C-alpha atoms as a PDB file:
ATOM      1  CA  MET A   1     -62.574 138.791-159.758  1.00  0.00           C
ATOM      2  CA  THR A   2     -65.213 140.757-161.704  1.00  0.00           C
ATOM      3  CA  SER A   3     -66.615 140.039-165.170  1.00  0.00           C
ATOM      4  CA  TRP A   4     -68.248 142.369-167.696  1.00  0.00           C
ATOM      5  CA  ILE A   5     -70.341 140.953-170.565  1.00  0.00           C
ATOM      6  CA  ALA A   6     -71.526 142.457-173.819  1.00  0.00           C
ATOM      7  CA  PRO A   7     -73.935 140.714-176.199  1.00  0.00           C
ATOM      8  CA  ALA A   8     -73.744 140.183-179.909  1.00  0.00           C
ATOM      9  CA  LYS A   9     -76.233 141.990-182.166  1.00  0.00           C
ATOM     10  CA  ILE A  10     -78.100 141.280-185.355  1.00  0.00           C
ATOM     11  CA  ILE A  11     -79.611 143.768-187.799  1.00  0.00           C
ATOM     12  CA  LEU A  12     -83.189 142.897-188.665  1.00  0.00           C
ATOM     13  CA  PHE A  13     -83.797 145.636-191.232  1.00  0.00           C
ATOM     14  CA  GLY A  14     -82.050 148.605-192.762  1.00  0.00           C
ATOM     15  CA  GLU A  15     -78.440 147.514-193.244  1.00  0.00           C
ATOM     16  CA  HIS A  16     -76.445 149.732-195.675  1.00  0.00           C
ATOM     17  CA  ALA A  17     -79.366 152.174-195.979  1.00  0.00           C
ATOM     18  CA  VAL A  18     -78.615 153.295-192.456  1.00  0.00           C
ATOM     19  CA  VAL A  19     -75.356 154.827-193.660  1.00  0.00           C
ATOM     20  CA  TYR A  20     -77.410 157.292-195.744  1.00  0.00           C
ATOM     21  CA  GLY A  21     -79.684 158.420-192.935  1.00  0.00           C
ATOM     22  CA  GLU A  22     -82.423 155.785-193.303  1.00  0.00           C
ATOM     23  CA  PRO A  23     -83.680 153.925-190.260  1.00  0.00           C
ATOM     24  CA  ALA A  24     -82.533 150.446-189.177  1.00  0.00           C
ATOM     25  CA  ILE A  25     -83.714 147.971-186.590  1.00  0.00           C
ATOM     26  CA  ALA A  26     -81.237 145.923-184.602  1.00  0.00           C
ATOM     27  CA  VAL A  27     -81.552 143.627-181.559  1.00  0.00           C
ATOM     28  CA  PRO A  28     -79.076 142.092-179.104  1.00  0.00           C
ATOM     29  CA  VAL A  29     -78.273 138.405-179.279  1.00  0.00           C
ATOM     30  CA  ALA A  30     -77.837 137.387-175.672  1.00  0.00           C
ATOM     31  CA  SER A  31     -76.862 133.798-176.479  1.00  0.00           C
ATOM     32  CA  LEU A  32     -73.615 135.107-177.928  1.00  0.00           C
ATOM     33  CA  LYS A  33     -71.306 137.314-175.841  1.00  0.00           C
ATOM     34  CA  ALA A  34     -67.887 138.866-175.245  1.00  0.00           C
ATOM     35  CA  GLU A  35     -66.619 138.716-171.680  1.00  0.00           C
ATOM     36  CA  ALA A  36     -63.831 140.619-169.937  1.00  0.00           C
ATOM     37  CA  THR A  37     -62.772 139.402-166.480  1.00  0.00           C
ATOM     38  CA  VAL A  38     -60.541 141.443-164.196  1.00  0.00           C
ATOM     39  CA  LYS A  39     -57.928 139.666-162.102  1.00  0.00           C
ATOM     40  CA  PRO A  40     -55.021 140.949-159.997  1.00  0.00           C
ATOM     41  CA  SER A  41     -51.655 141.169-161.765  1.00  0.00           C
ATOM     42  CA  THR A  42     -48.107 140.942-160.488  1.00  0.00           C
ATOM     43  CA  ASP A  43     -46.785 141.879-163.914  1.00  0.00           C
ATOM     44  CA  GLY A  44     -48.467 145.248-164.703  1.00  0.00           C
ATOM     45  CA  PHE A  45     -51.403 145.746-167.015  1.00  0.00           C
ATOM     46  CA  LYS A  46     -51.985 143.105-169.686  1.00  0.00           C
ATOM     47  CA  ILE A  47     -54.785 141.480-171.643  1.00  0.00           C
ATOM     48  CA  ILE A  48     -54.929 137.722-172.029  1.00  0.00           C
ATOM     49  CA  ALA A  49     -57.092 137.052-175.086  1.00  0.00           C
ATOM     50  CA  HIS A  50     -58.423 133.481-175.071  1.00  0.00           C
ATOM     51  CA  ASP A  51     -59.200 131.852-178.443  1.00  0.00           C
ATOM     52  CA  MET A  52     -58.564 135.156-180.277  1.00  0.00           C
ATOM     53  CA  ASP A  53     -55.805 136.409-182.581  1.00  0.00           C
ATOM     54  CA  ALA A  54     -53.509 137.599-179.791  1.00  0.00           C
ATOM     55  CA  VAL A  55     -52.622 135.623-176.645  1.00  0.00           C
ATOM     56  CA  ILE A  56     -51.115 138.340-174.466  1.00  0.00           C
ATOM     57  CA  VAL A  57     -51.590 142.022-175.306  1.00  0.00           C
ATOM     58  CA  ARG A  58     -49.680 144.871-173.608  1.00  0.00           C
ATOM     59  CA  TYR A  59     -50.456 148.485-174.208  1.00  0.00           C
ATOM     60  CA  ASP A  60     -48.362 150.005-177.071  1.00  0.00           C
ATOM     61  CA  VAL A  61     -49.303 153.470-178.254  1.00  0.00           C
ATOM     62  CA  SER A  62     -47.444 152.825-181.546  1.00  0.00           C
ATOM     63  CA  LEU A  63     -50.160 150.217-182.411  1.00  0.00           C
ATOM     64  CA  ILE A  64     -52.988 152.712-182.145  1.00  0.00           C
ATOM     65  CA  GLU A  65     -54.691 151.393-185.327  1.00  0.00           C
ATOM     66  CA  GLU A  66     -55.249 147.973-183.619  1.00  0.00           C
ATOM     67  CA  PRO A  67     -58.744 147.805-182.022  1.00  0.00           C
ATOM     68  CA  LEU A  68     -57.705 146.751-178.492  1.00  0.00           C
ATOM     69  CA  GLN A  69     -54.951 149.331-178.400  1.00  0.00           C
ATOM     70  CA  ARG A  70     -57.291 152.084-179.688  1.00  0.00           C
ATOM     71  CA  THR A  71     -59.831 151.110-177.006  1.00  0.00           C
ATOM     72  CA  LEU A  72     -57.229 151.488-174.258  1.00  0.00           C
ATOM     73  CA  ALA A  73     -55.872 154.715-175.683  1.00  0.00           C
ATOM     74  CA  LEU A  74     -59.316 156.310-175.881  1.00  0.00           C
ATOM     75  CA  LEU A  75     -60.145 155.247-172.318  1.00  0.00           C
ATOM     76  CA  GLN A  76     -56.922 156.734-170.922  1.00  0.00           C
ATOM     77  CA  GLN A  77     -57.477 159.961-172.888  1.00  0.00           C
ATOM     78  CA  TYR A  78     -61.027 160.334-171.641  1.00  0.00           C
ATOM     79  CA  THR A  79     -60.286 159.522-167.966  1.00  0.00           C
ATOM     80  CA  GLY A  80     -56.829 161.014-167.713  1.00  0.00           C
ATOM     81  CA  LYS A  81     -55.807 157.853-165.807  1.00  0.00           C
ATOM     82  CA  SER A  82     -53.078 155.301-166.398  1.00  0.00           C
ATOM     83  CA  LEU A  83     -53.956 151.662-166.942  1.00  0.00           C
ATOM     84  CA  PRO A  84     -54.195 149.739-163.624  1.00  0.00           C
ATOM     85  CA  ASP A  85     -52.110 146.778-162.642  1.00  0.00           C
ATOM     86  CA  VAL A  86     -54.586 144.047-163.587  1.00  0.00           C
ATOM     87  CA  GLU A  87     -54.998 141.170-165.977  1.00  0.00           C
ATOM     88  CA  ILE A  88     -57.970 141.394-168.291  1.00  0.00           C
ATOM     89  CA  HIS A  89     -59.052 138.002-169.537  1.00  0.00           C
ATOM     90  CA  LEU A  90     -61.006 138.378-172.794  1.00  0.00           C
ATOM     91  CA  ARG A  91     -63.226 135.671-174.204  1.00  0.00           C
ATOM     92  CA  SER A  92     -65.814 135.799-176.950  1.00  0.00           C
ATOM     93  CA  SER A  93     -68.306 133.319-178.386  1.00  0.00           C
ATOM     94  CA  ILE A  94     -69.261 135.740-181.149  1.00  0.00           C
ATOM     95  CA  PRO A  95     -67.870 134.691-184.595  1.00  0.00           C
ATOM     96  CA  MET A  96     -65.534 137.474-185.805  1.00  0.00           C
ATOM     97  CA  ALA A  97     -66.142 139.406-189.023  1.00  0.00           C
ATOM     98  CA  SER A  98     -69.554 137.836-189.423  1.00  0.00           C
ATOM     99  CA  GLY A  99     -71.919 140.819-188.950  1.00  0.00           C
ATOM    100  CA  LEU A 100     -72.703 140.016-185.333  1.00  0.00           C
ATOM    101  CA  GLY A 101     -70.898 142.908-183.782  1.00  0.00           C
ATOM    102  CA  SER A 102     -67.944 141.012-182.451  1.00  0.00           C
ATOM    103  CA  GLY A 103     -65.626 144.015-182.510  1.00  0.00           C
ATOM    104  CA  ALA A 104     -68.074 146.332-180.743  1.00  0.00           C
ATOM    105  CA  ALA A 105     -68.922 143.716-178.136  1.00  0.00           C
ATOM    106  CA  ILE A 106     -65.238 143.086-177.321  1.00  0.00           C
ATOM    107  CA  SER A 107     -64.512 146.829-177.086  1.00  0.00           C
ATOM    108  CA  THR A 108     -67.592 147.308-174.849  1.00  0.00           C
ATOM    109  CA  ALA A 109     -66.647 144.550-172.434  1.00  0.00           C
ATOM    110  CA  LEU A 110     -63.017 145.719-172.352  1.00  0.00           C
ATOM    111  CA  LEU A 111     -63.916 149.341-171.719  1.00  0.00           C
ATOM    112  CA  ARG A 112     -66.205 148.471-168.839  1.00  0.00           C
ATOM    113  CA  ALA A 113     -63.734 146.123-167.253  1.00  0.00           C
ATOM    114  CA  VAL A 114     -60.786 148.409-167.429  1.00  0.00           C
ATOM    115  CA  SER A 115     -62.727 151.501-166.415  1.00  0.00           C
ATOM    116  CA  SER A 116     -64.084 149.620-163.383  1.00  0.00           C
ATOM    117  CA  ALA A 117     -60.516 148.652-162.401  1.00  0.00           C
ATOM    118  CA  MET A 118     -59.598 152.305-162.725  1.00  0.00           C
ATOM    119  CA  ASP A 119     -62.541 153.388-160.505  1.00  0.00           C
ATOM    120  CA  ALA A 120     -63.722 155.487-163.399  1.00  0.00           C
ATOM    121  CA  ASP A 121     -67.494 155.702-163.758  1.00  0.00           C
ATOM    122  CA  LEU A 122     -68.451 155.751-167.437  1.00  0.00           C
ATOM    123  CA  SER A 123     -72.027 156.302-168.516  1.00  0.00           C
ATOM    124  CA  ASP A 124     -73.581 154.237-171.297  1.00  0.00           C
ATOM    125  CA  GLU A 125     -73.462 157.382-173.431  1.00  0.00           C
ATOM    126  CA  ILE A 126     -69.665 157.698-172.984  1.00  0.00           C
ATOM    127  CA  VAL A 127     -68.980 154.029-173.537  1.00  0.00           C
ATOM    128  CA  ASN A 128     -71.107 154.205-176.762  1.00  0.00           C
ATOM    129  CA  SER A 129     -69.099 157.197-178.056  1.00  0.00           C
ATOM    130  CA  LEU A 130     -65.736 155.552-177.311  1.00  0.00           C
ATOM    131  CA  VAL A 131     -66.706 152.231-178.923  1.00  0.00           C
ATOM    132  CA  PHE A 132     -67.996 154.081-181.956  1.00  0.00           C
ATOM    133  CA  GLU A 133     -64.467 155.532-182.435  1.00  0.00           C
ATOM    134  CA  VAL A 134     -62.983 152.050-182.278  1.00  0.00           C
ATOM    135  CA  GLU A 135     -65.568 150.888-184.807  1.00  0.00           C
ATOM    136  CA  LYS A 136     -63.945 153.129-187.405  1.00  0.00           C
ATOM    137  CA  ILE A 137     -60.999 150.668-187.506  1.00  0.00           C
ATOM    138  CA  HIS A 138     -63.365 147.811-188.343  1.00  0.00           C
ATOM    139  CA  HIS A 139     -65.759 149.562-190.710  1.00  0.00           C
ATOM    140  CA  GLY A 140     -64.217 152.741-192.015  1.00  0.00           C
ATOM    141  CA  THR A 141     -67.400 154.775-191.876  1.00  0.00           C
ATOM    142  CA  PRO A 142     -69.580 152.889-189.389  1.00  0.00           C
ATOM    143  CA  SER A 143     -73.241 153.588-189.029  1.00  0.00           C
ATOM    144  CA  GLY A 144     -73.090 153.467-185.265  1.00  0.00           C
ATOM    145  CA  ILE A 145     -75.722 150.759-184.984  1.00  0.00           C
ATOM    146  CA  ASP A 146     -73.449 148.000-183.743  1.00  0.00           C
ATOM    147  CA  ASN A 147     -72.080 149.900-180.762  1.00  0.00           C
ATOM    148  CA  THR A 148     -75.467 151.382-179.903  1.00  0.00           C
ATOM    149  CA  VAL A 149     -77.476 148.166-179.675  1.00  0.00           C
ATOM    150  CA  ILE A 150     -74.634 146.354-177.900  1.00  0.00           C
ATOM    151  CA  VAL A 151     -73.898 149.081-175.325  1.00  0.00           C
ATOM    152  CA  TYR A 152     -77.566 149.644-174.431  1.00  0.00           C
ATOM    153  CA  GLU A 153     -78.491 145.902-174.803  1.00  0.00           C
ATOM    154  CA  GLN A 154     -81.970 146.636-176.074  1.00  0.00           C
ATOM    155  CA  PRO A 155     -83.825 146.360-179.418  1.00  0.00           C
ATOM    156  CA  ILE A 156     -83.540 149.740-181.111  1.00  0.00           C
ATOM    157  CA  PHE A 157     -84.870 151.743-183.979  1.00  0.00           C
ATOM    158  CA  TYR A 158     -81.812 153.646-185.131  1.00  0.00           C
ATOM    159  CA  VAL A 159     -81.337 156.669-187.325  1.00  0.00           C
ATOM    160  CA  ARG A 160     -77.869 158.047-187.574  1.00  0.00           C
ATOM    161  CA  ASN A 161     -77.248 161.264-185.590  1.00  0.00           C
ATOM    162  CA  GLN A 162     -80.710 161.085-183.978  1.00  0.00           C
ATOM    163  CA  PRO A 163     -81.664 160.105-180.405  1.00  0.00           C
ATOM    164  CA  ILE A 164     -81.889 156.366-179.782  1.00  0.00           C
ATOM    165  CA  GLU A 165     -85.426 154.960-179.965  1.00  0.00           C
ATOM    166  CA  ARG A 166     -85.875 151.781-178.036  1.00  0.00           C
ATOM    167  CA  LEU A 167     -88.408 149.337-179.534  1.00  0.00           C
ATOM    168  CA  SER A 168     -91.404 148.097-177.669  1.00  0.00           C
ATOM    169  CA  ILE A 169     -91.781 144.382-178.447  1.00  0.00           C
ATOM    170  CA  ALA A 170     -95.505 143.634-178.344  1.00  0.00           C
ATOM    171  CA  ARG A 171     -95.065 139.993-179.061  1.00  0.00           C
ATOM    172  CA  SER A 172     -91.834 137.999-178.748  1.00  0.00           C
ATOM    173  CA  PHE A 173     -90.480 136.235-181.842  1.00  0.00           C
ATOM    174  CA  LYS A 174     -87.777 133.755-182.627  1.00  0.00           C
ATOM    175  CA  LEU A 175     -84.880 134.047-185.061  1.00  0.00           C
ATOM    176  CA  ILE A 176     -82.497 131.434-186.436  1.00  0.00           C
ATOM    177  CA  ILE A 177     -79.084 132.802-187.476  1.00  0.00           C
ATOM    178  CA  GLY A 178     -77.110 130.961-190.126  1.00  0.00           C
ATOM    179  CA  ASP A 179     -73.399 131.666-190.364  1.00  0.00           C
ATOM    180  CA  THR A 180     -71.764 131.182-193.773  1.00  0.00           C
ATOM    181  CA  GLY A 181     -68.322 131.017-192.170  1.00  0.00           C
ATOM    182  CA  GLN A 182     -67.114 133.574-194.673  1.00  0.00           C
ATOM    183  CA  LYS A 183     -65.630 136.745-193.185  1.00  0.00           C
ATOM    184  CA  ALA A 184     -67.713 139.769-194.027  1.00  0.00           C
ATOM    185  CA  LEU A 185     -65.571 142.803-194.704  1.00  0.00           C
ATOM    186  CA  THR A 186     -68.225 145.418-193.989  1.00  0.00           C
ATOM    187  CA  HIS A 187     -66.050 148.345-195.027  1.00  0.00           C
ATOM    188  CA  VAL A 188     -65.583 146.816-198.486  1.00  0.00           C
ATOM    189  CA  ALA A 189     -69.314 146.239-198.979  1.00  0.00           C
ATOM    190  CA  VAL A 190     -70.128 149.733-197.710  1.00  0.00           C
ATOM    191  CA  GLY A 191     -67.532 151.174-200.058  1.00  0.00           C
ATOM    192  CA  ASP A 192     -69.029 149.311-203.006  1.00  0.00           C
ATOM    193  CA  VAL A 193     -72.545 150.641-202.229  1.00  0.00           C
ATOM    194  CA  ARG A 194     -71.052 154.115-202.008  1.00  0.00           C
ATOM    195  CA  LYS A 195     -69.575 153.662-205.509  1.00  0.00           C
ATOM    196  CA  LEU A 196     -73.023 152.628-206.763  1.00  0.00           C
ATOM    197  CA  MET A 197     -74.452 155.762-205.200  1.00  0.00           C
ATOM    198  CA  GLU A 198     -71.863 157.829-207.057  1.00  0.00           C
ATOM    199  CA  THR A 199     -72.207 156.133-210.448  1.00  0.00           C
ATOM    200  CA  ASP A 200     -75.984 155.536-210.414  1.00  0.00           C
ATOM    201  CA  PRO A 201     -77.408 157.812-207.773  1.00  0.00           C
ATOM    202  CA  GLU A 202     -81.000 157.683-208.932  1.00  0.00           C
ATOM    203  CA  SER A 203     -81.525 153.950-208.889  1.00  0.00           C
ATOM    204  CA  THR A 204     -79.339 153.363-205.875  1.00  0.00           C
ATOM    205  CA  GLY A 205     -81.020 156.171-203.962  1.00  0.00           C
ATOM    206  CA  LYS A 206     -84.444 154.679-204.661  1.00  0.00           C
ATOM    207  CA  ARG A 207     -83.326 151.305-203.312  1.00  0.00           C
ATOM    208  CA  VAL A 208     -81.875 152.857-200.230  1.00  0.00           C
ATOM    209  CA  LYS A 209     -85.053 154.782-199.504  1.00  0.00           C
ATOM    210  CA  ALA A 210     -87.154 151.664-200.121  1.00  0.00           C
ATOM    211  CA  ILE A 211     -85.082 149.850-197.474  1.00  0.00           C
ATOM    212  CA  GLY A 212     -85.740 152.697-195.090  1.00  0.00           C
ATOM    213  CA  LYS A 213     -89.525 152.456-195.668  1.00  0.00           C
ATOM    214  CA  ILE A 214     -89.336 148.716-194.963  1.00  0.00           C
ATOM    215  CA  ALA A 215     -87.664 149.432-191.653  1.00  0.00           C
ATOM    216  CA  VAL A 216     -90.455 151.844-190.696  1.00  0.00           C
ATOM    217  CA  ALA A 217     -93.100 149.269-191.604  1.00  0.00           C
ATOM    218  CA  ALA A 218     -91.245 146.559-189.661  1.00  0.00           C
ATOM    219  CA  ARG A 219     -91.197 148.763-186.584  1.00  0.00           C
ATOM    220  CA  GLN A 220     -94.956 149.131-186.767  1.00  0.00           C
ATOM    221  CA  ALA A 221     -95.368 145.364-187.143  1.00  0.00           C
ATOM    222  CA  ILE A 222     -93.099 144.621-184.181  1.00  0.00           C
ATOM    223  CA  GLU A 223     -94.723 147.204-181.931  1.00  0.00           C
ATOM    224  CA  THR A 224     -98.263 145.981-182.767  1.00  0.00           C
ATOM    225  CA  GLY A 225     -97.449 142.321-182.570  1.00  0.00           C
ATOM    226  CA  LYS A 226     -98.087 141.576-186.226  1.00  0.00           C
ATOM    227  CA  ILE A 227     -95.054 139.303-186.502  1.00  0.00           C
ATOM    228  CA  THR A 228     -96.178 137.460-189.614  1.00  0.00           C
ATOM    229  CA  ASP A 229     -96.010 140.749-191.503  1.00  0.00           C
ATOM    230  CA  LEU A 230     -92.262 140.757-191.006  1.00  0.00           C
ATOM    231  CA  GLY A 231     -91.897 137.766-193.387  1.00  0.00           C
ATOM    232  CA  VAL A 232     -92.955 139.727-196.450  1.00  0.00           C
ATOM    233  CA  LEU A 233     -90.821 142.710-195.353  1.00  0.00           C
ATOM    234  CA  MET A 234     -87.779 140.486-194.910  1.00  0.00           C
ATOM    235  CA  HIS A 235     -88.228 139.103-198.446  1.00  0.00           C
ATOM    236  CA  LYS A 236     -88.397 142.622-199.922  1.00  0.00           C
ATOM    237  CA  ASN A 237     -85.443 143.800-197.882  1.00  0.00           C
ATOM    238  CA  HIS A 238     -83.291 140.866-199.087  1.00  0.00           C
ATOM    239  CA  HIS A 239     -84.201 141.473-202.673  1.00  0.00           C
ATOM    240  CA  LEU A 240     -83.125 145.118-202.432  1.00  0.00           C
ATOM    241  CA  LEU A 241     -79.874 144.148-200.825  1.00  0.00           C
ATOM    242  CA  GLN A 242     -79.282 141.711-203.680  1.00  0.00           C
ATOM    243  CA  GLU A 243     -79.726 144.645-206.089  1.00  0.00           C
ATOM    244  CA  LEU A 244     -77.169 146.631-204.087  1.00  0.00           C
ATOM    245  CA  THR A 245     -74.725 143.694-204.748  1.00  0.00           C
ATOM    246  CA  VAL A 246     -74.079 142.992-201.095  1.00  0.00           C
ATOM    247  CA  SER A 247     -75.644 139.496-200.870  1.00  0.00           C
ATOM    248  CA  SER A 248     -73.743 136.382-201.990  1.00  0.00           C
ATOM    249  CA  PRO A 249     -74.562 132.957-203.463  1.00  0.00           C
ATOM    250  CA  ASP A 250     -74.271 131.315-200.069  1.00  0.00           C
ATOM    251  CA  LEU A 251     -76.535 133.846-198.368  1.00  0.00           C
ATOM    252  CA  ASP A 252     -79.088 133.501-201.123  1.00  0.00           C
ATOM    253  CA  GLN A 253     -78.939 129.698-200.833  1.00  0.00           C
ATOM    254  CA  PHE A 254     -79.436 129.931-197.012  1.00  0.00           C
ATOM    255  CA  VAL A 255     -82.452 132.171-197.487  1.00  0.00           C
ATOM    256  CA  GLU A 256     -84.037 129.729-199.890  1.00  0.00           C
ATOM    257  CA  ALA A 257     -83.265 126.765-197.646  1.00  0.00           C
ATOM    258  CA  ALA A 258     -84.855 128.491-194.632  1.00  0.00           C
ATOM    259  CA  LEU A 259     -88.027 129.380-196.561  1.00  0.00           C
ATOM    260  CA  SER A 260     -88.301 125.876-197.966  1.00  0.00           C
ATOM    261  CA  ALA A 261     -88.117 124.467-194.442  1.00  0.00           C
ATOM    262  CA  GLY A 262     -91.022 126.602-193.276  1.00  0.00           C
ATOM    263  CA  ALA A 263     -89.545 129.924-192.100  1.00  0.00           C
ATOM    264  CA  ILE A 264     -91.947 132.872-192.102  1.00  0.00           C
ATOM    265  CA  GLY A 265     -89.277 135.063-193.686  1.00  0.00           C
ATOM    266  CA  ALA A 266     -85.511 135.189-194.254  1.00  0.00           C
ATOM    267  CA  LYS A 267     -82.875 137.665-195.409  1.00  0.00           C
ATOM    268  CA  MET A 268     -79.169 138.402-195.200  1.00  0.00           C
ATOM    269  CA  SER A 269     -78.081 140.477-192.218  1.00  0.00           C
ATOM    270  CA  GLY A 270     -75.288 142.980-191.777  1.00  0.00           C
ATOM    271  CA  GLY A 271     -72.666 143.962-194.278  1.00  0.00           C
ATOM    272  CA  GLY A 272     -73.155 140.953-196.514  1.00  0.00           C
ATOM    273  CA  ARG A 273     -70.775 139.275-198.911  1.00  0.00           C
ATOM    274  CA  GLY A 274     -70.543 136.541-196.287  1.00  0.00           C
ATOM    275  CA  GLY A 275     -71.437 136.630-192.609  1.00  0.00           C
ATOM    276  CA  ASN A 276     -74.935 135.759-191.621  1.00  0.00           C
ATOM    277  CA  MET A 277     -78.509 135.435-192.644  1.00  0.00           C
ATOM    278  CA  ILE A 278     -81.562 135.378-190.350  1.00  0.00           C
ATOM    279  CA  ALA A 279     -84.781 133.449-190.497  1.00  0.00           C
ATOM    280  CA  LEU A 280     -87.998 134.307-188.682  1.00  0.00           C
ATOM    281  CA  VAL A 281     -89.431 131.028-187.348  1.00  0.00           C
ATOM    282  CA  THR A 282     -92.185 129.532-185.203  1.00  0.00           C
ATOM    283  CA  ASP A 283     -91.510 126.956-182.494  1.00  0.00           C
ATOM    284  CA  ASP A 284     -92.921 124.365-184.863  1.00  0.00           C
ATOM    285  CA  CYS A 285     -90.499 124.993-187.714  1.00  0.00           C
ATOM    286  CA  ALA A 286     -87.415 126.167-185.806  1.00  0.00           C
ATOM    287  CA  GLU A 287     -85.613 122.815-185.692  1.00  0.00           C
ATOM    288  CA  ALA A 288     -86.369 122.091-189.355  1.00  0.00           C
ATOM    289  CA  VAL A 289     -85.041 125.488-190.402  1.00  0.00           C
ATOM    290  CA  ALA A 290     -81.874 125.026-188.358  1.00  0.00           C
ATOM    291  CA  ASN A 291     -81.277 121.592-189.851  1.00  0.00           C
ATOM    292  CA  ALA A 292     -81.871 122.953-193.364  1.00  0.00           C
ATOM    293  CA  LEU A 293     -79.282 125.662-192.851  1.00  0.00           C
ATOM    294  CA  ARG A 294     -76.721 123.127-191.607  1.00  0.00           C
ATOM    295  CA  GLN A 295     -77.392 120.974-194.683  1.00  0.00           C
ATOM    296  CA  ALA A 296     -76.971 124.041-196.888  1.00  0.00           C
ATOM    297  CA  GLY A 297     -73.495 124.545-195.426  1.00  0.00           C
ATOM    298  CA  ALA A 298     -73.909 126.835-192.376  1.00  0.00           C
ATOM    299  CA  VAL A 299     -70.880 126.468-190.119  1.00  0.00           C
ATOM    300  CA  HIS A 300     -72.789 127.792-187.109  1.00  0.00           C
ATOM    301  CA  VAL A 301     -76.479 128.005-186.433  1.00  0.00           C
ATOM    302  CA  PHE A 302     -77.714 130.130-183.503  1.00  0.00           C
ATOM    303  CA  GLU A 303     -81.159 130.726-182.052  1.00  0.00           C
ATOM    304  CA  THR A 304     -82.329 133.857-180.253  1.00  0.00           C
ATOM    305  CA  THR A 305     -85.667 135.176-179.003  1.00  0.00           C
ATOM    306  CA  VAL A 306     -86.476 138.801-179.300  1.00  0.00           C
ATOM    307  CA  ALA A 307     -88.631 139.842-176.371  1.00  0.00           C
END
């Protein structure tokens, strides 16, 4: 029995702007994960998905627009091999449709588990490219940031269609993640920003470029250990995302609750319109911020350290 694990991810800076060629920063969230375990099967290939939408999944090429089926189809196409006679047990602690990269993590764990059972050696680069194709089902026109940070499992500075730049973390810092419990349909929010870009290109373009500049400044702060500078940058980034109409009343409320409880900074994260927000905290205020988010209505509160 062999298991393959892929972490969740959170975007620190640059969401939405990254679609237009601006940089973004994202980090893995190791405390949340998708796991695929390979076991022998006497009944051909099948996936047993625990606590997910499907209980037992068998390969069906006619369902190619379903993420698990697309993952399997792409793997067979790339390797030229048939699916092995194994059971893949899938589990995930990552809330779905919440901006934490659940879809990319599940696809990554599944690809690595099945390719291992096939005796097919896939590089990180190949896994990344295959997961990106699956991401198109979830997000329509994905930025590529989810699959990249999850596959490589490292903090990254990401610019679309450019080589991956891995961040050097000069000084570790702690984040509290507050989950609204509302599904975040990233492709809808991305589509709405695209409409803004079409109807008001000047103002929207300025906001997008400003978000990109914030990401560049945040990288410098992270790589020089000036963590407190991130608080101001988070505030500016959140305000710009509000102007792009991708925040929500709950996300705004969570941001205010976190700041009132002593967080250094806070902002929405990911596609918006639901999903998650993040708060930058010290050890002294972490518990207070977490409690404040629960009182504000967060259905889940997670803690992660970026190091």
